[in-house]
Protein backbone atom coordinates (compact mmCIF):
# COMPACT_ATOMS: atom_id res chain seq x y z
CA MET A 1 24.63 -14.24 -18.46
CA SER A 2 26.21 -10.93 -17.74
CA LEU A 3 25.76 -11.44 -13.96
CA LEU A 4 28.28 -14.50 -14.17
CA ALA A 5 31.12 -12.08 -14.54
CA CYS A 6 30.32 -10.33 -11.23
CA PRO A 7 30.10 -6.88 -12.78
CA SER A 8 30.45 -3.80 -10.37
CA VAL A 9 27.37 -2.22 -12.30
CA GLU A 10 24.72 -3.99 -14.04
CA PHE A 11 21.80 -2.61 -16.11
CA LEU A 12 18.52 -4.67 -16.24
CA ASP A 13 15.76 -3.65 -18.53
CA GLU A 14 12.40 -5.18 -17.45
CA PRO A 15 14.15 -8.41 -16.38
CA THR A 16 11.08 -10.25 -15.39
CA THR A 17 8.94 -9.53 -18.49
CA GLY A 18 7.48 -12.96 -19.62
CA VAL A 19 8.90 -14.72 -16.70
CA ASP A 20 6.68 -17.13 -14.57
CA PRO A 21 6.21 -16.43 -10.88
CA VAL A 22 8.57 -19.20 -9.61
CA SER A 23 11.50 -18.03 -11.89
CA ARG A 24 10.71 -14.41 -10.91
CA ARG A 25 11.19 -15.27 -7.21
CA SER A 26 14.38 -17.11 -7.97
CA LEU A 27 15.80 -14.00 -9.90
CA PHE A 28 14.81 -11.81 -7.13
CA LYS A 29 16.63 -14.01 -4.59
CA MET A 30 19.76 -14.02 -6.76
CA LEU A 31 19.73 -10.35 -7.30
CA LYS A 32 19.31 -9.46 -3.61
CA HIS A 33 22.41 -11.69 -2.85
CA LEU A 34 24.78 -9.99 -5.31
CA GLU A 35 27.77 -8.43 -3.54
CA ASP A 36 29.76 -5.46 -4.65
CA CYS A 37 27.41 -4.89 -7.57
CA SER A 38 25.16 -1.99 -8.17
CA LEU A 39 22.02 -2.52 -10.30
CA VAL A 40 20.14 -0.15 -12.42
CA LEU A 41 16.69 -1.58 -13.09
CA THR A 42 14.00 -0.34 -15.30
CA THR A 43 10.55 -1.79 -14.59
CA HIS A 44 6.77 -0.99 -14.71
CA ARG A 45 6.31 -3.35 -11.84
CA MET A 46 6.20 -1.31 -8.63
CA GLU A 47 6.32 -4.42 -6.44
CA GLU A 48 9.47 -5.49 -8.30
CA ALA A 49 11.06 -2.17 -7.70
CA GLU A 50 10.03 -2.13 -3.98
CA GLN A 51 11.57 -5.66 -3.35
CA LEU A 52 14.77 -5.06 -5.25
CA CYS A 53 15.78 -1.42 -4.97
CA ASP A 54 17.16 0.67 -2.13
CA ASN A 55 16.26 3.80 -4.10
CA ILE A 56 13.70 4.42 -6.84
CA CYS A 57 13.49 7.10 -9.37
CA ILE A 58 10.15 7.67 -11.25
CA MET A 59 10.32 9.02 -14.68
CA ILE A 60 7.37 10.72 -16.42
CA ASN A 61 7.50 12.12 -19.94
CA GLY A 62 11.34 11.28 -20.10
CA ARG A 63 12.12 13.32 -16.89
CA PHE A 64 13.06 12.14 -13.49
CA VAL A 65 10.25 13.49 -11.30
CA VAL A 66 11.01 11.99 -7.88
CA TYR A 67 13.82 9.98 -6.29
CA GLY A 68 14.02 8.28 -2.85
CA SER A 69 13.71 5.08 -0.99
CA PRO A 70 10.37 3.07 -1.24
CA GLY A 71 9.36 4.07 2.28
CA HIS A 72 10.19 7.79 1.67
CA LEU A 73 8.21 7.82 -1.55
CA LYS A 74 5.17 6.17 0.11
CA SER A 75 5.22 8.51 3.15
CA GLU A 76 6.12 11.65 1.20
CA TYR A 77 3.84 11.27 -1.78
CA GLY A 78 1.35 8.41 -0.81
CA LEU A 79 -2.12 8.85 0.50
CA GLY A 80 -1.10 7.66 3.96
CA TYR A 81 -3.22 4.96 5.51
CA SER A 82 -6.55 3.59 4.41
CA ILE A 83 -8.85 1.90 6.90
CA SER A 84 -11.68 -0.44 5.85
CA LEU A 85 -14.33 -1.43 8.42
CA LEU A 86 -16.86 -4.24 7.89
CA ALA A 87 -20.18 -3.91 9.55
CA ARG A 88 -23.62 -5.40 9.25
CA GLY A 89 -26.80 -3.20 8.90
CA GLU A 90 -26.94 0.60 9.17
CA ALA A 91 -23.79 0.96 11.26
CA THR A 92 -24.88 4.35 12.73
CA GLU A 93 -23.26 3.47 15.94
CA MET A 94 -19.89 2.62 14.13
CA LYS A 95 -20.11 5.99 12.17
CA ALA A 96 -20.60 7.96 15.49
CA TYR A 97 -17.67 6.09 17.09
CA VAL A 98 -15.32 6.91 14.27
CA THR A 99 -16.41 10.53 14.23
CA SER A 100 -15.89 11.00 18.01
CA LYS A 101 -12.87 8.74 18.66
CA MET A 102 -10.99 9.05 15.36
CA PRO A 103 -11.73 12.51 13.73
CA TYR A 104 -8.59 12.35 11.60
CA LEU A 105 -10.31 9.60 9.50
CA GLU A 106 -12.16 10.98 6.49
CA TYR A 107 -15.07 8.90 5.03
CA LYS A 108 -14.34 7.95 1.43
CA ASP A 109 -16.81 5.27 0.27
CA SER A 110 -18.86 2.20 1.26
CA VAL A 111 -19.67 -1.00 -0.69
CA VAL A 112 -22.28 -3.62 0.21
CA SER A 113 -21.19 -7.23 -0.13
CA LYS A 114 -23.34 -9.48 -2.20
CA ASP A 115 -21.90 -12.61 -0.63
CA SER A 116 -24.15 -12.60 2.36
CA LEU A 117 -26.00 -15.78 3.37
CA ILE A 118 -29.79 -15.97 3.02
CA GLY A 119 -31.38 -14.44 6.02
CA GLU A 120 -28.33 -12.55 7.09
CA GLU A 121 -27.91 -8.88 6.95
CA PRO A 122 -25.49 -7.89 4.20
CA VAL A 123 -21.88 -6.84 5.24
CA THR A 124 -20.96 -3.34 4.24
CA GLU A 125 -17.33 -2.24 3.82
CA TYR A 126 -16.86 1.33 4.92
CA MET A 127 -13.61 2.93 3.71
CA TYR A 128 -11.78 5.78 5.47
CA GLN A 129 -8.60 7.65 4.70
CA MET A 130 -6.24 9.36 7.19
CA THR A 131 -6.67 13.10 6.64
CA SER A 132 -2.98 13.63 7.66
CA ASN A 133 0.17 11.74 6.60
CA LEU A 134 1.65 12.93 9.99
CA LEU A 135 1.06 10.34 12.83
CA THR A 136 0.49 12.15 16.09
CA LYS A 137 -0.09 10.64 19.50
CA GLU A 138 -3.93 10.75 18.79
CA SER A 139 -3.60 9.24 15.37
CA SER A 140 -0.68 6.84 16.03
CA LEU A 141 -1.03 3.33 14.53
CA SER A 142 -1.20 1.91 18.06
CA SER A 143 -4.12 4.26 18.84
CA ILE A 144 -5.93 3.40 15.59
CA PHE A 145 -5.56 -0.35 16.33
CA LYS A 146 -6.62 0.17 19.88
CA HIS A 147 -9.89 1.85 18.69
CA LEU A 148 -10.58 -0.69 16.07
CA CYS A 149 -10.04 -3.76 18.31
CA SER A 150 -12.36 -2.20 20.85
CA MET A 151 -14.92 -1.66 18.11
CA LYS A 152 -14.59 -5.26 17.02
CA ILE A 153 -14.15 -7.19 20.34
CA ASP A 154 -15.58 -5.08 23.09
CA SER A 155 -18.48 -3.20 21.50
CA LYS A 156 -19.11 -5.61 18.57
CA ILE A 157 -19.74 -2.52 16.39
CA ILE A 158 -17.71 -3.98 13.43
CA THR A 159 -17.16 -7.55 12.28
CA ASP A 160 -13.53 -6.90 10.93
CA PHE A 161 -11.19 -4.19 9.78
CA LYS A 162 -8.22 -3.59 7.64
CA VAL A 163 -5.43 -1.04 7.85
CA THR A 164 -3.16 -0.53 4.62
CA ARG A 165 -0.41 1.91 3.82
CA SER A 166 -0.29 3.49 0.43
CA SER A 167 1.48 1.42 -2.12
CA LEU A 168 4.29 2.35 -4.46
CA GLU A 169 1.90 1.62 -7.21
CA GLN A 170 -0.45 4.39 -6.00
CA VAL A 171 2.53 6.76 -5.83
CA PHE A 172 3.37 5.89 -9.39
CA VAL A 173 -0.07 6.25 -10.57
CA SER A 174 -0.38 9.68 -8.97
CA PHE A 175 2.62 10.83 -10.93
CA ALA A 176 1.64 9.10 -14.11
CA LYS A 177 -1.59 11.13 -14.18
CA HIS A 178 0.41 14.05 -15.31
CA GLN A 179 1.88 12.14 -18.17
CA ILE A 180 1.12 13.67 -21.76
């Protein structure tokens, strides 16, 4: 109701709590198109903050601990990029390729899928993390994708891959660990 008066500043406290997804999207659309209005939004939903806010402040134990744009927070305080590789069997060739061609990737974990068809080798997901948040010429995203595509298409070492950037949720959780 308060938005009907076109205020210059509007305070919204958890505006989408208890709201269905369709109404949430409608509210997001309306808030994004407000002109000459500054919004102060409190939320526990990081995807909501990322979609609606130009700048985000994270508060822990009643204190503001960090402030910046979503992109800045993810690049400065996030874990960088995570790379998941799907392979069948032992994948020794894949591990050797990653070690020699992409030494900036650090092995984190692997999970064997239980969804394999009878008679097929199970698919294992190998998870890697970039050891540096700084992208260099050797560790640029284009270089990473070139190597991953070569492993999938040319060498057929892997069956699929996924590259993801740290989420704002991960940044928030890393700060929330210090909460008393």
